[in-house]
Amino acid sequence: MMKNIKRAFESAELKETILPDAYALSRERFRYIRFKISPEEYHRLSAVRLTMEVVSGRSVVVLNQYLGTEPEEVEGLNAAVTYPAGACEAGENAFAYKGQVRIKEIELLYEEEAETIAADYKLQETAWIADKTDPLLDAAQFLFNIQIKGPGQSPFKGACWTLYDYDDECPRLVNWLWDNAVVVACMAELIKSGLYPEKEAQFLQFAREVGEEFLRTQILDEGSEVYGALTARWEYPGHPAHSYDCYLGPNDASFAVKWALIPLYELTGEQRYLEASRLALDWVKNSIYLPDRDYLPLDYDLTDGTWGNYSIIDTAFIPEGFTEYDRLNCTNEFTEDSRFFMDRFIRQYRLDNGFYGQNYDPAAGVDEVIFTRGLGWTIEGLLAAYRGTEEKRYLKEAVELALLTAKEQNEDGSFSYILGYHGVPEQKDREGTGICEKATAILAYLFYDICMLDQSQKELLESADRAMVWCEANIHRGPGMGYGGIKAAGIKSGITCMSYLTIATQYANAFYILAKLKRTEAPWLKTELYK
C-alpha cells in the first residue's frame, strides 16, 4: 500500500547558496523582494519590521538604499530588521538581500496617535481637479494622484511615480526621473491653452515641483567627467557592492531639456532652468563624440563610473534638446551636432524595409526587433533634426516611418508593444505582446505634429484620432489613486518588467494631454472622428 506523506514547502525547499564568510558575502549579488505600503498606511507609519529565515547562513539586507539606508548583515532562523518610516515609500518598496532568505512576516508599526508622527512623513492631500466629464482633466488628475510626497530626503520627492499597478493597487517605479519631463510639458501646455484659467496656479505649482527634481539631481561636481549631466534613473542591477546604481542618459538629459527645463524657463523666466539646460546639453554634446566608440551608449553608470557597452533605439531623440535650445536663443549652435548624431543613428538602426531595430551592439549591429514605442522615439528625433537643421530629408524619413507604423495600428485604435521580432510585422507578435498605452499616446501626439507640418497627411491624422479614441475609452474612472490613468496590459506593462499587469504610466497620460491639446490647434483638419 502506498502511503501519502505531506511536507511543508519550507522543509522541502533546497538551498541555493551558503555564504560562510565576509568574502562570500562581498561577491554575492543583491536580489530583490518588493512589497507595498499604501498611502493610508504610510500616513500613520512609524516603522516597518521584516522577520526572515536566513537560509544561506548569513545575508546582507537593505531597504530602499537610495534613501540613505545602510546595508546590514543578518543571520539566523528569525532574523529581524526594522526601518523607520523615512526609509519607506508610500507605494512600492524594494528590499534587497544577498544569498537566500525566506520572509516570514512584514509588520507595519504605527504610532498610537497619528498626531505624534513627524510632519515629514505625513502625506499632503492631493488636489482634486477632475470633474469626471472632461478627459483632459481626468488624465491630469492621475498625474496629481501619483505625485511623490515623501519622505523628505527622497531624491524623487515632488516628481511622479512612473506607474500605477491596478492589479496590486499600488504606485510603482519610484526611481525613474527622466520620464517626468513630459509631465512638466503637459502642465505648461494646459496653462498656455487658456482652457482652465482657474486651475493655472495649480498647474504651475505642480510643474515646478516635478521639474525641481532635475535641478536637485544634476551632477555639479567640479572636475567630474559628467559635469552637467541630469540624472535619468536609479536601477537595481544586483551589483555586489550596492543594491542600486545611479544612471545618467544623454538622450534622457536632452529629453528633460526639451520637455521640462525650457518650458519651465518660458513659464517663469528663471535663469536657473536655462543655465541647467546649457550645462546638460554641453554634456550631451560631449557624449555623442566619445573618442573610443562610434555610437552613443545608452547610459553612464555614475555609481561605477563607467559607460555602458550597448545602446537602444530610445537614444533617437537626442536632437530635441539641441533644437529647443537653439530655437529659444535664435541660434544654430547645435545644428551640426544634431545632424551628426541623426545621420549616424539612421545608419546604425534603420532596417532595409524602412523600420528601425531596437537594440544596437557595436560588434553585431542592430537587431530586428520592431519596438513600437521606439519607432515613436525615432520619429520624435527625426522631427527635431528637421526643425534644427531645416533639412527636409529628416521630415521625409519621419513621415515614411510614421506611415509604416500607422499601417500596423490595431482595429481599436491602439498600438501593440512589439510589431515583430524578426524585422517584419507579425500579427501573432502584435496580438501576443499586448497593447502599449505609452506607444499609443506618443504616436498620436507625433502624428498630429507631422500633420501640423504637412497637412496632406490625412492617413496619419485619422490614425491619431483613432488612437485618441482608444486612450479616452481606457481612462480609469474608478475610485482611488489610479483615477484618470490610461490603462493597458502587455508583455512589458511596466516598461521593462511587470508582464501583463494592468497599469497606467505617467508619461502616457502626459503625451495624451499634449496630443489632445495639439489637436485643438488645428480644428480645420477634419476626419470622421473629428468633425
Protein backbone atom coordinates (compact mmCIF):
# COMPACT_ATOMS: atom_id res chain seq x y z
CA MET A 1 0.00 0.00 0.00
CA MET A 2 1.29 3.49 -0.93
CA LYS A 3 1.47 5.93 1.95
CA ASN A 4 0.93 9.66 1.36
CA ILE A 5 3.36 11.94 3.14
CA LYS A 6 2.69 15.65 3.14
CA ARG A 7 5.59 18.03 3.60
CA ALA A 8 5.59 21.76 4.04
CA PHE A 9 7.34 23.60 1.23
CA GLU A 10 9.77 25.13 3.72
CA SER A 11 11.08 21.71 4.70
CA ALA A 12 11.33 20.51 1.10
CA GLU A 13 12.87 23.63 -0.45
CA LEU A 14 16.51 23.20 -1.43
CA LYS A 15 19.24 25.62 -0.51
CA GLU A 16 20.59 27.74 -3.34
CA THR A 17 23.72 29.03 -1.68
CA ILE A 18 25.69 29.19 1.55
CA LEU A 19 27.57 32.37 2.45
CA PRO A 20 30.07 31.30 5.11
CA ASP A 21 32.18 34.45 5.50
CA ALA A 22 32.70 38.10 4.61
CA TYR A 23 34.44 37.26 1.35
CA ALA A 24 31.50 35.18 0.14
CA LEU A 25 29.12 38.00 1.08
CA SER A 26 31.18 40.56 -0.82
CA ARG A 27 31.00 38.54 -4.03
CA GLU A 28 27.27 37.78 -3.90
CA ARG A 29 24.90 39.93 -5.94
CA PHE A 30 21.82 41.55 -4.46
CA ARG A 31 18.36 40.18 -5.17
CA TYR A 32 15.04 41.89 -4.51
CA ILE A 33 11.67 41.41 -2.88
CA ARG A 34 9.09 44.13 -3.46
CA PHE A 35 6.18 44.95 -1.18
CA LYS A 36 3.73 47.80 -0.85
CA ILE A 37 2.78 50.27 1.84
CA SER A 38 -0.42 52.09 0.94
CA PRO A 39 -0.63 55.89 1.31
CA GLU A 40 -3.22 55.39 4.05
CA GLU A 41 -0.88 53.08 5.97
CA TYR A 42 2.10 55.32 5.35
CA HIS A 43 0.29 58.30 6.84
CA ARG A 44 0.30 56.60 10.27
CA LEU A 45 3.54 54.66 9.87
CA SER A 46 6.27 54.72 12.49
CA ALA A 47 8.42 51.86 11.17
CA VAL A 48 8.36 48.59 9.24
CA ARG A 49 9.83 45.35 10.58
CA LEU A 50 10.76 42.36 8.42
CA THR A 51 11.31 38.96 10.01
CA MET A 52 13.05 36.30 7.95
CA GLU A 53 14.83 32.98 7.97
CA VAL A 54 18.32 33.33 6.53
CA VAL A 55 18.59 30.07 4.62
CA SER A 56 22.08 30.85 3.31
CA GLY A 57 23.52 31.12 6.82
CA ARG A 58 24.10 34.83 6.57
CA SER A 59 22.94 37.67 4.37
CA VAL A 60 23.27 41.40 3.81
CA VAL A 61 19.96 43.26 3.58
CA VAL A 62 18.87 46.83 2.90
CA LEU A 63 15.58 48.61 2.16
CA ASN A 64 15.35 51.38 -0.46
CA GLN A 65 19.07 52.10 -0.30
CA TYR A 66 18.74 55.26 -2.42
CA LEU A 67 17.07 56.86 0.65
CA GLY A 68 20.32 56.57 2.58
CA THR A 69 19.59 53.28 4.34
CA GLU A 70 22.74 51.36 5.32
CA PRO A 71 23.11 47.64 4.48
CA GLU A 72 23.37 45.33 7.48
CA GLU A 73 24.38 41.72 7.98
CA VAL A 74 21.80 39.28 9.35
CA GLU A 75 21.72 35.58 10.18
CA GLY A 76 19.54 33.02 11.93
CA LEU A 77 16.11 31.45 11.74
CA ASN A 78 14.27 34.53 12.98
CA ALA A 79 16.39 37.47 11.88
CA ALA A 80 14.56 40.80 12.12
CA VAL A 81 15.35 44.25 10.74
CA THR A 82 13.43 47.44 11.44
CA TYR A 83 13.35 50.54 9.26
CA PRO A 84 11.87 53.93 10.19
CA ALA A 85 9.12 55.49 8.11
CA GLY A 86 11.66 57.79 6.50
CA ALA A 87 13.26 54.77 4.81
CA CYS A 88 9.94 53.67 3.34
CA GLU A 89 7.85 54.65 0.33
CA ALA A 90 4.09 55.17 0.16
CA GLY A 91 3.84 52.59 -2.58
CA GLU A 92 6.35 50.05 -3.88
CA ASN A 93 9.34 49.29 -1.61
CA ALA A 94 12.45 47.36 -2.71
CA PHE A 95 14.01 45.08 -0.09
CA ALA A 96 17.42 43.91 -1.27
CA TYR A 97 19.18 40.85 0.11
CA LYS A 98 22.12 38.58 -0.61
CA GLY A 99 22.05 34.81 -0.63
CA GLN A 100 18.80 33.11 0.27
CA VAL A 101 16.22 34.44 2.70
CA ARG A 102 12.62 33.49 3.37
CA ILE A 103 10.44 36.37 4.52
CA LYS A 104 8.19 35.25 7.37
CA GLU A 105 6.44 38.49 8.20
CA ILE A 106 6.28 42.16 7.25
CA GLU A 107 4.91 44.26 10.10
CA LEU A 108 3.81 47.86 9.76
CA LEU A 109 4.31 49.58 13.10
CA TYR A 110 2.06 52.55 13.84
CA GLU A 111 2.15 55.36 16.33
CA GLU A 112 -0.71 55.15 18.80
CA GLU A 113 -1.74 58.69 17.95
CA ALA A 114 -1.42 59.96 14.39
CA GLU A 115 -0.61 63.43 15.69
CA THR A 116 2.70 62.20 17.08
CA ILE A 117 4.12 61.29 13.70
CA ALA A 118 6.87 63.56 12.42
CA ALA A 119 5.39 66.04 9.97
CA ASP A 120 7.98 64.99 7.38
CA TYR A 121 6.26 61.65 6.98
CA LYS A 122 2.69 62.91 6.73
CA LEU A 123 1.30 62.83 3.22
CA GLN A 124 -0.15 66.01 1.82
CA GLU A 125 -3.67 65.96 0.49
CA THR A 126 -3.89 65.55 -3.28
CA ALA A 127 -5.59 68.40 -5.10
CA TRP A 128 -8.75 67.31 -6.93
CA ILE A 129 -9.07 68.97 -10.34
CA ALA A 130 -11.18 66.44 -12.31
CA ASP A 131 -14.91 66.79 -12.87
CA LYS A 132 -15.45 63.26 -14.31
CA THR A 133 -16.70 64.69 -17.62
CA ASP A 134 -13.53 66.16 -19.15
CA PRO A 135 -10.94 63.54 -20.23
CA LEU A 136 -8.18 66.16 -20.20
CA LEU A 137 -8.75 66.90 -16.52
CA ASP A 138 -9.20 63.21 -15.73
CA ALA A 139 -5.81 62.46 -17.29
CA ALA A 140 -4.21 65.37 -15.44
CA GLN A 141 -5.79 64.20 -12.18
CA PHE A 142 -3.91 60.92 -12.48
CA LEU A 143 -0.62 62.82 -12.57
CA PHE A 144 -1.57 64.74 -9.44
CA ASN A 145 -2.58 61.48 -7.76
CA ILE A 146 0.77 59.76 -8.28
CA GLN A 147 2.99 62.63 -7.18
CA ILE A 148 5.63 61.51 -4.67
CA LYS A 149 5.08 63.44 -1.46
CA GLY A 150 7.64 61.91 0.88
CA PRO A 151 9.85 61.07 2.63
CA GLY A 152 11.69 64.36 2.87
CA GLN A 153 15.13 63.01 2.00
CA SER A 154 13.89 61.27 -1.14
CA PRO A 155 15.65 62.41 -4.33
CA PHE A 156 12.30 61.86 -6.06
CA LYS A 157 10.06 63.98 -3.83
CA GLY A 158 7.82 66.22 -5.92
CA ALA A 159 8.12 64.08 -9.05
CA CYS A 160 5.68 61.33 -10.04
CA TRP A 161 5.71 57.61 -9.71
CA THR A 162 6.20 56.21 -13.20
CA LEU A 163 3.43 53.61 -12.96
CA TYR A 164 0.24 52.72 -11.19
CA ASP A 165 -0.44 48.98 -10.89
CA TYR A 166 -4.19 48.28 -10.84
CA ASP A 167 -3.75 44.59 -10.00
CA ASP A 168 -1.88 45.37 -6.79
CA GLU A 169 -3.46 48.81 -6.28
CA CYS A 170 -0.02 50.31 -5.83
CA PRO A 171 2.12 53.05 -7.42
CA ARG A 172 5.40 51.61 -8.68
CA LEU A 173 8.78 52.52 -10.15
CA VAL A 174 9.66 55.49 -7.98
CA ASN A 175 13.22 55.55 -9.25
CA TRP A 176 12.84 56.79 -12.84
CA LEU A 177 13.30 60.54 -13.26
CA TRP A 178 13.67 61.28 -16.98
CA ASP A 179 10.07 60.49 -17.90
CA ASN A 180 8.79 63.16 -15.52
CA ALA A 181 9.91 65.78 -18.04
CA VAL A 182 6.83 65.40 -20.22
CA VAL A 183 4.64 65.83 -17.12
CA VAL A 184 6.07 69.34 -16.84
CA ALA A 185 5.43 69.96 -20.53
CA CYS A 186 1.78 68.98 -20.38
CA MET A 187 1.21 71.27 -17.39
CA ALA A 188 2.84 74.11 -19.34
CA GLU A 189 0.61 73.44 -22.34
CA LEU A 190 -2.50 73.31 -20.17
CA ILE A 191 -1.59 76.77 -18.89
CA LYS A 192 -0.90 78.09 -22.40
CA SER A 193 -4.18 76.68 -23.70
CA GLY A 194 -6.22 79.04 -21.51
CA LEU A 195 -8.87 76.34 -21.13
CA TYR A 196 -8.75 76.27 -17.34
CA PRO A 197 -7.81 79.72 -16.02
CA GLU A 198 -8.99 78.88 -12.50
CA LYS A 199 -6.57 75.92 -12.36
CA GLU A 200 -3.48 77.55 -13.84
CA ALA A 201 -1.89 78.27 -10.45
CA GLN A 202 -2.19 74.59 -9.55
CA PHE A 203 -0.71 73.53 -12.88
CA LEU A 204 2.24 75.89 -12.40
CA GLN A 205 2.96 74.77 -8.85
CA PHE A 206 2.80 71.14 -9.90
CA ALA A 207 5.13 71.76 -12.86
CA ARG A 208 7.63 73.50 -10.57
CA GLU A 209 7.58 70.66 -8.04
CA VAL A 210 8.05 67.99 -10.70
CA GLY A 211 10.76 69.95 -12.50
CA GLU A 212 12.74 70.64 -9.34
CA GLU A 213 13.97 67.05 -9.27
CA PHE A 214 16.02 67.65 -12.43
CA LEU A 215 17.86 70.55 -10.81
CA ARG A 216 18.22 68.73 -7.49
CA THR A 217 19.87 65.69 -9.08
CA GLN A 218 22.03 67.42 -11.72
CA ILE A 219 25.71 66.47 -11.46
CA LEU A 220 27.61 69.61 -10.48
CA ASP A 221 30.81 68.20 -9.00
CA GLU A 222 33.66 70.35 -10.32
CA GLY A 223 36.10 68.31 -12.38
CA SER A 224 33.67 65.45 -12.97
CA GLU A 225 33.77 63.96 -16.46
CA VAL A 226 29.96 64.02 -16.40
CA TYR A 227 29.63 67.59 -15.11
CA GLY A 228 26.23 69.00 -16.03
CA ALA A 229 24.55 65.63 -16.63
CA LEU A 230 20.98 65.13 -15.48
CA THR A 231 20.18 62.01 -13.51
CA ALA A 232 17.99 59.68 -15.57
CA ARG A 233 17.11 56.90 -13.17
CA TRP A 234 18.16 54.60 -10.36
CA GLU A 235 18.23 50.90 -11.26
CA TYR A 236 18.51 47.64 -9.37
CA PRO A 237 21.20 45.67 -11.25
CA GLY A 238 22.12 43.40 -8.34
CA HIS A 239 25.66 44.75 -8.06
CA PRO A 240 27.62 43.05 -5.23
CA ALA A 241 28.74 46.35 -3.68
CA HIS A 242 25.40 48.18 -3.73
CA SER A 243 21.77 47.34 -4.29
CA TYR A 244 21.13 50.11 -6.82
CA ASP A 245 23.08 52.17 -9.35
CA CYS A 246 22.53 55.74 -10.50
CA TYR A 247 22.41 56.15 -14.28
CA LEU A 248 22.85 59.19 -16.50
CA GLY A 249 21.49 59.07 -20.04
CA PRO A 250 22.49 61.62 -22.70
CA ASN A 251 19.20 61.08 -24.53
CA ASP A 252 17.25 61.41 -21.28
CA ALA A 253 19.06 64.65 -20.48
CA SER A 254 18.17 66.07 -23.89
CA PHE A 255 14.57 64.91 -23.36
CA ALA A 256 14.47 66.70 -19.99
CA VAL A 257 15.79 69.93 -21.50
CA LYS A 258 13.15 69.87 -24.24
CA TRP A 259 10.14 68.85 -22.16
CA ALA A 260 10.89 70.24 -18.69
CA LEU A 261 13.66 72.79 -18.27
CA ILE A 262 12.96 75.02 -21.25
CA PRO A 263 9.17 75.02 -20.65
CA LEU A 264 9.83 76.00 -17.02
CA TYR A 265 12.14 78.79 -18.15
CA GLU A 266 9.49 80.07 -20.56
CA LEU A 267 6.81 79.89 -17.85
CA THR A 268 8.80 81.53 -15.07
CA GLY A 269 11.68 83.45 -16.64
CA GLU A 270 14.02 81.94 -14.02
CA GLN A 271 17.56 81.73 -15.36
CA ARG A 272 18.41 78.62 -13.36
CA TYR A 273 16.39 76.48 -15.77
CA LEU A 274 18.23 77.90 -18.76
CA GLU A 275 21.62 77.52 -17.06
CA ALA A 276 20.86 73.91 -16.16
CA SER A 277 19.81 73.29 -19.76
CA ARG A 278 23.08 74.60 -21.13
CA LEU A 279 25.19 72.52 -18.76
CA ALA A 280 23.19 69.42 -19.59
CA LEU A 281 23.45 69.93 -23.35
CA ASP A 282 27.20 70.53 -23.17
CA TRP A 283 27.48 67.10 -21.54
CA VAL A 284 25.15 65.55 -24.13
CA LYS A 285 27.25 67.03 -26.92
CA ASN A 286 30.46 65.63 -25.45
CA SER A 287 28.79 62.24 -25.09
CA ILE A 288 27.92 61.83 -28.76
CA TYR A 289 31.59 62.32 -29.70
CA LEU A 290 33.15 59.81 -27.28
CA PRO A 291 36.64 59.15 -28.69
CA ASP A 292 36.67 55.39 -28.10
CA ARG A 293 33.40 54.42 -29.78
CA ASP A 294 31.41 55.23 -32.91
CA TYR A 295 27.99 55.01 -31.27
CA LEU A 296 26.20 56.59 -28.33
CA PRO A 297 25.97 54.25 -25.32
CA LEU A 298 22.58 54.18 -23.65
CA ASP A 299 23.87 55.41 -20.32
CA TYR A 300 26.67 56.17 -17.90
CA ASP A 301 26.72 54.30 -14.57
CA LEU A 302 27.56 57.05 -12.08
CA THR A 303 27.89 54.57 -9.23
CA ASP A 304 30.62 52.61 -11.03
CA GLY A 305 31.94 55.46 -13.19
CA THR A 306 31.60 53.56 -16.47
CA TRP A 307 29.83 53.91 -19.82
CA GLY A 308 27.62 51.05 -20.96
CA ASN A 309 28.67 48.88 -23.89
CA TYR A 310 25.40 48.83 -25.84
CA SER A 311 22.62 51.15 -26.96
CA ILE A 312 18.92 51.12 -27.82
CA ILE A 313 16.50 52.93 -30.09
CA ASP A 314 15.47 55.31 -27.29
CA THR A 315 18.62 57.34 -27.96
CA ALA A 316 16.91 58.60 -31.14
CA PHE A 317 15.52 61.75 -29.55
CA ILE A 318 18.94 63.25 -28.75
CA PRO A 319 18.41 66.19 -31.18
CA GLU A 320 15.34 67.61 -29.45
CA GLY A 321 17.16 69.31 -26.58
CA PHE A 322 19.62 70.83 -29.05
CA THR A 323 16.81 72.06 -31.29
CA GLU A 324 14.77 73.58 -28.48
CA TYR A 325 17.76 75.40 -27.02
CA ASP A 326 18.67 76.86 -30.41
CA ARG A 327 15.04 77.84 -31.04
CA LEU A 328 14.85 79.65 -27.73
CA ASN A 329 18.11 81.52 -28.28
CA CYS A 330 17.68 82.11 -32.04
CA THR A 331 20.98 80.36 -32.77
CA ASN A 332 22.19 77.35 -34.73
CA GLU A 333 24.88 76.40 -32.24
CA PHE A 334 23.90 72.72 -32.06
CA THR A 335 22.82 72.22 -35.67
CA GLU A 336 25.86 70.23 -36.72
CA ASP A 337 25.63 68.07 -33.59
CA SER A 338 22.02 67.15 -34.38
CA ARG A 339 22.97 66.34 -37.97
CA PHE A 340 25.98 64.25 -36.94
CA PHE A 341 24.01 62.26 -34.39
CA MET A 342 20.91 61.67 -36.51
CA ASP A 343 22.82 60.57 -39.60
CA ARG A 344 24.80 58.06 -37.56
CA PHE A 345 21.65 56.83 -35.83
CA ILE A 346 19.87 56.25 -39.15
CA ARG A 347 22.89 54.40 -40.48
CA GLN A 348 23.09 52.15 -37.43
CA TYR A 349 19.41 51.44 -36.68
CA ARG A 350 17.49 51.60 -39.97
CA LEU A 351 16.39 48.27 -41.46
CA ASP A 352 16.15 47.71 -45.21
CA ASN A 353 12.33 47.85 -45.14
CA GLY A 354 12.19 51.29 -43.50
CA PHE A 355 11.56 50.13 -39.93
CA TYR A 356 14.18 50.54 -37.21
CA GLY A 357 15.63 47.88 -34.90
CA GLN A 358 15.50 48.17 -31.13
CA ASN A 359 18.90 47.12 -29.74
CA TYR A 360 22.34 48.06 -31.02
CA ASP A 361 25.51 46.11 -30.30
CA PRO A 362 28.73 47.70 -31.60
CA ALA A 363 30.03 44.31 -32.73
CA ALA A 364 26.85 42.72 -34.10
CA GLY A 365 24.96 45.81 -35.22
CA VAL A 366 21.24 46.38 -34.75
CA ASP A 367 18.75 43.59 -34.11
CA GLU A 368 15.43 43.14 -35.93
CA VAL A 369 13.01 43.73 -33.06
CA ILE A 370 10.40 46.28 -34.18
CA PHE A 371 9.65 48.00 -30.90
CA THR A 372 6.64 50.24 -31.43
CA ARG A 373 7.38 52.86 -28.81
CA GLY A 374 10.93 53.05 -30.14
CA LEU A 375 9.56 53.89 -33.57
CA GLY A 376 7.84 56.82 -31.88
CA TRP A 377 11.10 57.93 -30.29
CA THR A 378 12.74 57.72 -33.73
CA ILE A 379 10.03 59.87 -35.31
CA GLU A 380 10.49 62.32 -32.44
CA GLY A 381 14.22 62.54 -33.10
CA LEU A 382 13.75 62.93 -36.85
CA LEU A 383 11.27 65.77 -36.40
CA ALA A 384 13.66 67.52 -34.02
CA ALA A 385 16.51 67.07 -36.51
CA TYR A 386 14.30 68.53 -39.25
CA ARG A 387 13.43 71.57 -37.15
CA GLY A 388 17.04 72.04 -36.07
CA THR A 389 18.66 71.70 -39.48
CA GLU A 390 15.74 72.60 -41.80
CA GLU A 391 16.74 69.63 -43.96
CA LYS A 392 13.60 68.06 -45.43
CA ARG A 393 15.16 64.61 -45.68
CA TYR A 394 14.57 64.18 -41.95
CA LEU A 395 10.91 65.15 -42.27
CA LYS A 396 10.56 62.78 -45.23
CA GLU A 397 12.05 59.93 -43.19
CA ALA A 398 9.76 60.73 -40.25
CA VAL A 399 6.67 60.70 -42.47
CA GLU A 400 7.64 57.43 -44.15
CA LEU A 401 8.27 55.73 -40.80
CA ALA A 402 5.02 57.12 -39.39
CA LEU A 403 3.06 55.76 -42.36
CA LEU A 404 4.65 52.33 -41.98
CA THR A 405 3.78 52.35 -38.28
CA ALA A 406 0.22 53.57 -38.82
CA LYS A 407 -0.45 50.59 -41.08
CA GLU A 408 0.13 48.32 -38.06
CA GLN A 409 -2.40 50.07 -35.82
CA ASN A 410 -4.88 47.76 -34.09
CA GLU A 411 -8.54 47.93 -35.08
CA ASP A 412 -9.49 49.53 -31.76
CA GLY A 413 -7.03 52.40 -32.34
CA SER A 414 -4.30 51.17 -30.01
CA PHE A 415 -0.74 50.15 -30.88
CA SER A 416 0.93 46.97 -29.67
CA TYR A 417 4.16 46.75 -27.69
CA ILE A 418 6.03 44.86 -30.44
CA LEU A 419 5.16 44.79 -34.14
CA GLY A 420 7.53 41.93 -34.91
CA TYR A 421 10.65 40.20 -33.61
CA HIS A 422 12.28 39.37 -36.95
CA GLY A 423 12.34 42.57 -38.94
CA VAL A 424 8.80 42.44 -40.29
CA PRO A 425 5.43 42.99 -38.55
CA GLU A 426 3.69 39.79 -37.48
CA GLN A 427 0.10 39.59 -36.29
CA LYS A 428 0.98 36.98 -33.65
CA ASP A 429 3.56 39.35 -32.15
CA ARG A 430 1.21 42.32 -32.18
CA GLU A 431 -1.53 40.31 -30.51
CA GLY A 432 0.73 38.37 -28.16
CA THR A 433 2.72 41.28 -26.77
CA GLY A 434 -0.41 43.25 -25.96
CA ILE A 435 -1.37 46.91 -26.08
CA CYS A 436 1.11 49.63 -25.18
CA GLU A 437 -0.70 52.70 -23.90
CA LYS A 438 2.60 54.59 -23.97
CA ALA A 439 3.18 53.96 -27.68
CA THR A 440 -0.46 54.76 -28.45
CA ALA A 441 -0.37 58.19 -26.81
CA ILE A 442 3.11 59.07 -28.08
CA LEU A 443 2.29 58.17 -31.68
CA ALA A 444 -0.97 60.13 -31.53
CA TYR A 445 0.98 63.22 -30.49
CA LEU A 446 3.70 62.73 -33.12
CA PHE A 447 1.24 62.04 -35.95
CA TYR A 448 -0.55 65.29 -35.09
CA ASP A 449 2.82 67.03 -35.03
CA ILE A 450 3.58 65.78 -38.53
CA CYS A 451 0.16 66.93 -39.73
CA MET A 452 0.88 70.43 -38.46
CA LEU A 453 3.95 70.43 -40.71
CA ASP A 454 2.30 68.68 -43.67
CA GLN A 455 -1.49 68.97 -43.78
CA SER A 456 -1.72 66.47 -46.64
CA GLN A 457 -1.04 63.53 -44.30
CA LYS A 458 -4.68 62.58 -43.79
CA GLU A 459 -3.85 58.92 -43.08
CA LEU A 460 -1.75 59.96 -40.09
CA LEU A 461 -4.45 62.36 -38.92
CA GLU A 462 -7.06 59.61 -38.97
CA SER A 463 -4.69 57.21 -37.22
CA ALA A 464 -4.03 59.75 -34.47
CA ASP A 465 -7.74 60.39 -34.00
CA ARG A 466 -8.36 56.64 -33.60
CA ALA A 467 -5.54 56.41 -31.07
CA MET A 468 -7.10 59.22 -29.05
CA VAL A 469 -10.46 57.46 -29.05
CA TRP A 470 -8.75 54.38 -27.62
CA CYS A 471 -6.96 56.45 -24.95
CA GLU A 472 -10.19 58.09 -23.81
CA ALA A 473 -12.07 54.79 -23.77
CA ASN A 474 -9.43 53.35 -21.45
CA ILE A 475 -9.24 56.14 -18.87
CA HIS A 476 -9.88 54.56 -15.47
CA ARG A 477 -12.64 56.36 -13.61
CA GLY A 478 -12.91 54.08 -10.60
CA PRO A 479 -12.11 55.21 -7.05
CA GLY A 480 -8.64 55.51 -5.61
CA MET A 481 -5.20 56.65 -6.60
CA GLY A 482 -5.44 55.18 -10.11
CA TYR A 483 -8.29 57.50 -11.14
CA GLY A 484 -7.63 59.02 -14.55
CA GLY A 485 -4.90 56.65 -15.66
CA ILE A 486 -4.94 55.35 -19.24
CA LYS A 487 -4.59 51.66 -18.51
CA ALA A 488 -3.45 48.66 -20.52
CA ALA A 489 -1.71 45.32 -20.11
CA GLY A 490 1.09 43.85 -22.19
CA ILE A 491 4.22 41.76 -22.16
CA LYS A 492 6.16 44.66 -20.61
CA SER A 493 3.43 46.66 -18.92
CA GLY A 494 5.98 48.22 -16.59
CA ILE A 495 8.21 49.49 -19.44
CA THR A 496 10.85 46.81 -18.82
CA CYS A 497 9.01 44.43 -16.48
CA MET A 498 5.61 43.53 -14.91
CA SER A 499 4.38 41.25 -17.69
CA TYR A 500 0.66 41.58 -18.41
CA LEU A 501 -0.18 43.51 -15.26
CA THR A 502 -2.78 46.21 -15.86
CA ILE A 503 -1.01 49.52 -15.39
CA ALA A 504 -1.12 53.20 -16.31
CA THR A 505 2.03 55.20 -16.98
CA GLN A 506 2.59 58.82 -16.13
CA TYR A 507 4.14 59.74 -19.47
CA ALA A 508 1.38 58.04 -21.45
CA ASN A 509 -1.11 60.32 -19.71
CA ALA A 510 1.12 63.32 -20.32
CA PHE A 511 1.50 62.60 -24.04
CA TYR A 512 -2.25 62.08 -24.29
CA ILE A 513 -2.77 65.56 -22.81
CA LEU A 514 -0.23 67.04 -25.23
CA ALA A 515 -1.87 65.26 -28.17
CA LYS A 516 -5.36 66.39 -27.17
CA LEU A 517 -4.21 70.00 -26.92
CA LYS A 518 -2.31 69.81 -30.21
CA ARG A 519 -5.44 68.51 -31.95
CA THR A 520 -7.34 71.60 -30.82
CA GLU A 521 -4.75 73.76 -32.58
CA ALA A 522 -5.98 72.51 -35.96
CA PRO A 523 -9.78 72.23 -35.83
CA TRP A 524 -9.94 72.75 -39.60
CA LEU A 525 -8.34 69.30 -40.11
CA LYS A 526 -11.45 67.12 -40.30
CA THR A 527 -11.82 63.33 -40.09
CA GLU A 528 -14.76 61.01 -39.49
CA LEU A 529 -13.92 61.09 -35.77
CA TYR A 530 -13.26 64.84 -35.60
CA LYS A 531 -15.78 66.95 -37.50
